[in-house]
Amino acid sequence: MANTANSGQKGGGEETSRRDFLYLATGAMGAVGVGAVAWPFIDQMNPSAAVLALATTEVDLSPIEAGMGITAMWRSKPVFVRKRTQEEIEQARAVELDALPDPQPDEARVEQPEWLIVVGICTHLGCIPLGNKPSEPRGDYGGWFCPCHGSHYDPSGRIRRGPAPANLPVPTYSFVDDTTVQLG
């Protein structure tokens, strides 16, 4: 009887080892299975090719004359691209930062002084300010004017008067060459 008791314990130890291995193998296979099932759901959350194509936009600057601007669309948002005159650049740089609701030097808002590129959405309630076309009012400071609630922006896209809490945002951009800028 003593021999059978010892053999039962020995067999029990091997059985425990096999059982642990089976638990680990089953758990690993289950984790791989869950990952294989979950991956398509996770992958479908990535942006589509159409959205990725809109992630960057190239804008031709060659038709824009000094003092004029165009509106380009980037990520379904209007972007104002203005070629500033020397007078507008000097006006923007002469402003005392203490006089601004959202102080930011002009030099920090542009890569090249003559080109100002800002997202054309008023920071108050999301309206589109006027002033990018020659026939539109540019407000009291020569930049943009949001007629919805009376926000006035200067030639650097900085808020000067009105309820807007912040400057027009500057998007990520880079100059590809002398006549092309890439947004995004």
Protein backbone atom coordinates (compact mmCIF):
# COMPACT_ATOMS: atom_id res chain seq x y z
CA MET A 1 0.00 0.00 0.00
CA ALA A 2 2.87 2.30 0.67
CA ASN A 3 4.08 1.88 -2.90
CA THR A 4 0.75 2.90 -4.39
CA ALA A 5 0.61 6.00 -2.19
CA ASN A 6 4.06 7.08 -3.39
CA SER A 7 3.24 6.40 -7.02
CA GLY A 8 0.03 8.43 -6.64
CA GLN A 9 1.98 11.39 -5.38
CA LYS A 10 4.52 11.06 -8.15
CA GLY A 11 1.79 10.83 -10.75
CA GLY A 12 0.02 13.80 -9.13
CA GLY A 13 3.11 15.98 -9.58
CA GLU A 14 3.36 15.12 -13.26
CA GLU A 15 -0.38 15.71 -13.65
CA THR A 16 -0.04 19.16 -12.07
CA SER A 17 2.82 20.00 -14.41
CA ARG A 18 0.83 18.87 -17.48
CA ARG A 19 -2.24 20.76 -16.25
CA ASP A 20 -0.20 23.97 -15.80
CA PHE A 21 1.20 23.59 -19.30
CA LEU A 22 -2.27 23.06 -20.75
CA TYR A 23 -3.59 26.15 -18.91
CA LEU A 24 -0.70 28.25 -20.22
CA ALA A 25 -1.05 26.93 -23.78
CA THR A 26 -4.82 27.48 -23.76
CA GLY A 27 -4.40 30.99 -22.38
CA ALA A 28 -1.76 31.87 -24.99
CA MET A 29 -3.92 30.54 -27.82
CA GLY A 30 -6.90 32.46 -26.42
CA ALA A 31 -4.88 35.69 -26.33
CA VAL A 32 -3.75 35.15 -29.94
CA GLY A 33 -7.35 34.48 -30.93
CA VAL A 34 -8.63 37.62 -29.20
CA GLY A 35 -5.90 39.66 -30.90
CA ALA A 36 -6.77 38.19 -34.30
CA VAL A 37 -10.45 39.02 -33.83
CA ALA A 38 -9.82 42.50 -32.37
CA TRP A 39 -7.27 43.68 -34.96
CA PRO A 40 -9.80 44.42 -37.76
CA PHE A 41 -11.89 46.50 -35.34
CA ILE A 42 -8.84 48.45 -34.17
CA ASP A 43 -7.51 48.86 -37.72
CA GLN A 44 -10.80 50.31 -38.99
CA MET A 45 -10.37 53.23 -36.58
CA ASN A 46 -7.36 54.50 -38.56
CA PRO A 47 -8.06 57.42 -40.90
CA SER A 48 -9.17 56.45 -44.39
CA ALA A 49 -7.06 57.10 -47.47
CA ALA A 50 -9.31 60.05 -48.34
CA VAL A 51 -8.64 61.68 -44.98
CA LEU A 52 -4.91 61.03 -45.21
CA ALA A 53 -4.88 62.62 -48.67
CA LEU A 54 -6.29 65.80 -47.11
CA ALA A 55 -3.65 65.79 -44.38
CA THR A 56 -1.42 67.95 -46.59
CA THR A 57 -2.36 70.47 -49.25
CA GLU A 58 -0.09 72.37 -51.58
CA VAL A 59 -0.98 75.97 -52.41
CA ASP A 60 0.34 77.81 -55.45
CA LEU A 61 1.51 81.26 -54.33
CA SER A 62 2.45 82.61 -57.78
CA PRO A 63 -0.89 84.35 -58.58
CA ILE A 64 -1.02 86.23 -55.25
CA GLU A 65 0.12 89.84 -55.48
CA ALA A 66 1.29 91.97 -52.54
CA GLY A 67 -1.66 93.05 -50.41
CA MET A 68 -3.87 90.23 -51.71
CA GLY A 69 -4.92 86.94 -50.21
CA ILE A 70 -6.59 83.67 -51.12
CA THR A 71 -8.56 81.10 -49.20
CA ALA A 72 -7.37 77.50 -49.46
CA MET A 73 -9.13 74.49 -47.94
CA TRP A 74 -7.15 72.21 -45.64
CA ARG A 75 -8.70 69.51 -43.45
CA SER A 76 -12.11 70.98 -44.31
CA LYS A 77 -11.08 74.34 -42.86
CA PRO A 78 -10.50 77.62 -44.68
CA VAL A 79 -6.90 78.80 -44.54
CA PHE A 80 -6.10 82.43 -45.36
CA VAL A 81 -2.88 82.90 -47.32
CA ARG A 82 -1.98 86.58 -47.63
CA LYS A 83 1.03 88.20 -49.25
CA ARG A 84 1.58 91.21 -47.05
CA THR A 85 2.92 94.54 -48.21
CA GLN A 86 5.96 96.06 -46.54
CA GLU A 87 3.60 98.53 -44.86
CA GLU A 88 1.48 95.69 -43.40
CA ILE A 89 4.61 93.93 -42.12
CA GLU A 90 5.86 97.11 -40.45
CA GLN A 91 2.40 97.78 -38.98
CA ALA A 92 2.23 94.24 -37.55
CA ARG A 93 5.71 94.46 -36.04
CA ALA A 94 5.18 97.93 -34.53
CA VAL A 95 2.33 96.80 -32.24
CA GLU A 96 3.07 96.85 -28.52
CA LEU A 97 2.55 93.30 -27.22
CA ASP A 98 1.07 94.68 -23.99
CA ALA A 99 -1.82 96.12 -26.05
CA LEU A 100 -2.84 92.67 -27.38
CA PRO A 101 -5.43 90.40 -25.72
CA ASP A 102 -3.41 87.37 -26.90
CA PRO A 103 0.20 88.68 -27.07
CA GLN A 104 2.29 87.07 -29.76
CA PRO A 105 5.03 88.75 -31.80
CA ASP A 106 4.57 88.86 -35.57
CA GLU A 107 7.90 87.10 -36.06
CA ALA A 108 6.56 84.04 -34.21
CA ARG A 109 3.56 83.81 -36.57
CA VAL A 110 5.38 83.77 -39.92
CA GLU A 111 8.26 81.90 -41.57
CA GLN A 112 8.75 84.53 -44.27
CA PRO A 113 7.65 88.08 -43.38
CA GLU A 114 5.65 88.69 -46.56
CA TRP A 115 3.55 85.51 -46.22
CA LEU A 116 0.95 85.18 -43.47
CA ILE A 117 -0.85 81.86 -43.29
CA VAL A 118 -3.64 81.41 -40.71
CA VAL A 119 -6.68 79.20 -40.23
CA GLY A 120 -9.62 81.39 -41.23
CA ILE A 121 -11.95 80.54 -38.37
CA CYS A 122 -12.83 83.13 -35.73
CA THR A 123 -11.75 81.95 -32.31
CA HIS A 124 -14.96 83.25 -30.72
CA LEU A 125 -17.70 81.06 -32.19
CA GLY A 126 -16.17 79.56 -35.31
CA CYS A 127 -17.39 82.06 -37.93
CA ILE A 128 -15.32 82.84 -41.02
CA PRO A 129 -13.97 86.41 -40.84
CA LEU A 130 -14.11 88.75 -43.83
CA GLY A 131 -11.12 90.50 -45.32
CA ASN A 132 -9.40 88.02 -47.59
CA LYS A 133 -11.01 89.47 -50.72
CA PRO A 134 -10.32 93.07 -51.78
CA SER A 135 -14.02 93.98 -51.64
CA GLU A 136 -14.50 92.75 -48.06
CA PRO A 137 -14.07 94.88 -44.94
CA ARG A 138 -10.78 94.27 -43.11
CA GLY A 139 -11.78 95.78 -39.79
CA ASP A 140 -10.23 98.66 -37.90
CA TYR A 141 -6.73 97.16 -37.98
CA GLY A 142 -6.42 96.14 -41.65
CA GLY A 143 -6.52 92.39 -41.14
CA TRP A 144 -9.84 90.56 -40.88
CA PHE A 145 -13.25 91.41 -39.50
CA CYS A 146 -15.79 88.94 -38.14
CA PRO A 147 -19.20 90.60 -38.61
CA CYS A 148 -21.05 88.02 -36.48
CA HIS A 149 -19.86 89.49 -33.16
CA GLY A 150 -17.44 92.25 -34.15
CA SER A 151 -13.98 90.75 -33.71
CA HIS A 152 -11.17 92.71 -35.40
CA TYR A 153 -7.85 91.08 -36.37
CA ASP A 154 -4.66 92.83 -37.49
CA PRO A 155 -2.42 91.96 -40.51
CA SER A 156 -0.73 89.32 -38.37
CA GLY A 157 -4.04 87.57 -37.59
CA ARG A 158 -3.92 88.70 -33.95
CA ILE A 159 -7.11 89.63 -32.15
CA ARG A 160 -7.21 93.34 -31.45
CA ARG A 161 -10.82 94.04 -30.44
CA GLY A 162 -14.00 92.05 -29.91
CA PRO A 163 -15.08 88.91 -28.08
CA ALA A 164 -12.62 86.50 -29.74
CA PRO A 165 -10.31 85.16 -27.01
CA ALA A 166 -7.33 84.22 -29.18
CA ASN A 167 -5.45 84.98 -32.38
CA LEU A 168 -6.28 83.21 -35.63
CA PRO A 169 -4.30 79.95 -35.37
CA VAL A 170 -1.24 79.39 -37.54
CA PRO A 171 -1.36 75.93 -39.15
CA THR A 172 1.68 73.73 -39.69
CA TYR A 173 3.18 74.67 -43.05
CA SER A 174 6.44 74.69 -44.97
CA PHE A 175 7.63 76.31 -48.16
CA VAL A 176 8.30 73.71 -50.87
CA ASP A 177 9.84 76.35 -53.13
CA ASP A 178 9.45 80.07 -53.86
CA THR A 179 5.93 79.65 -55.28
CA THR A 180 4.49 76.71 -53.32
CA VAL A 181 3.57 76.20 -49.69
CA GLN A 182 2.54 72.89 -48.18
CA LEU A 183 -0.07 72.96 -45.43
CA GLY A 184 0.11 70.14 -42.93
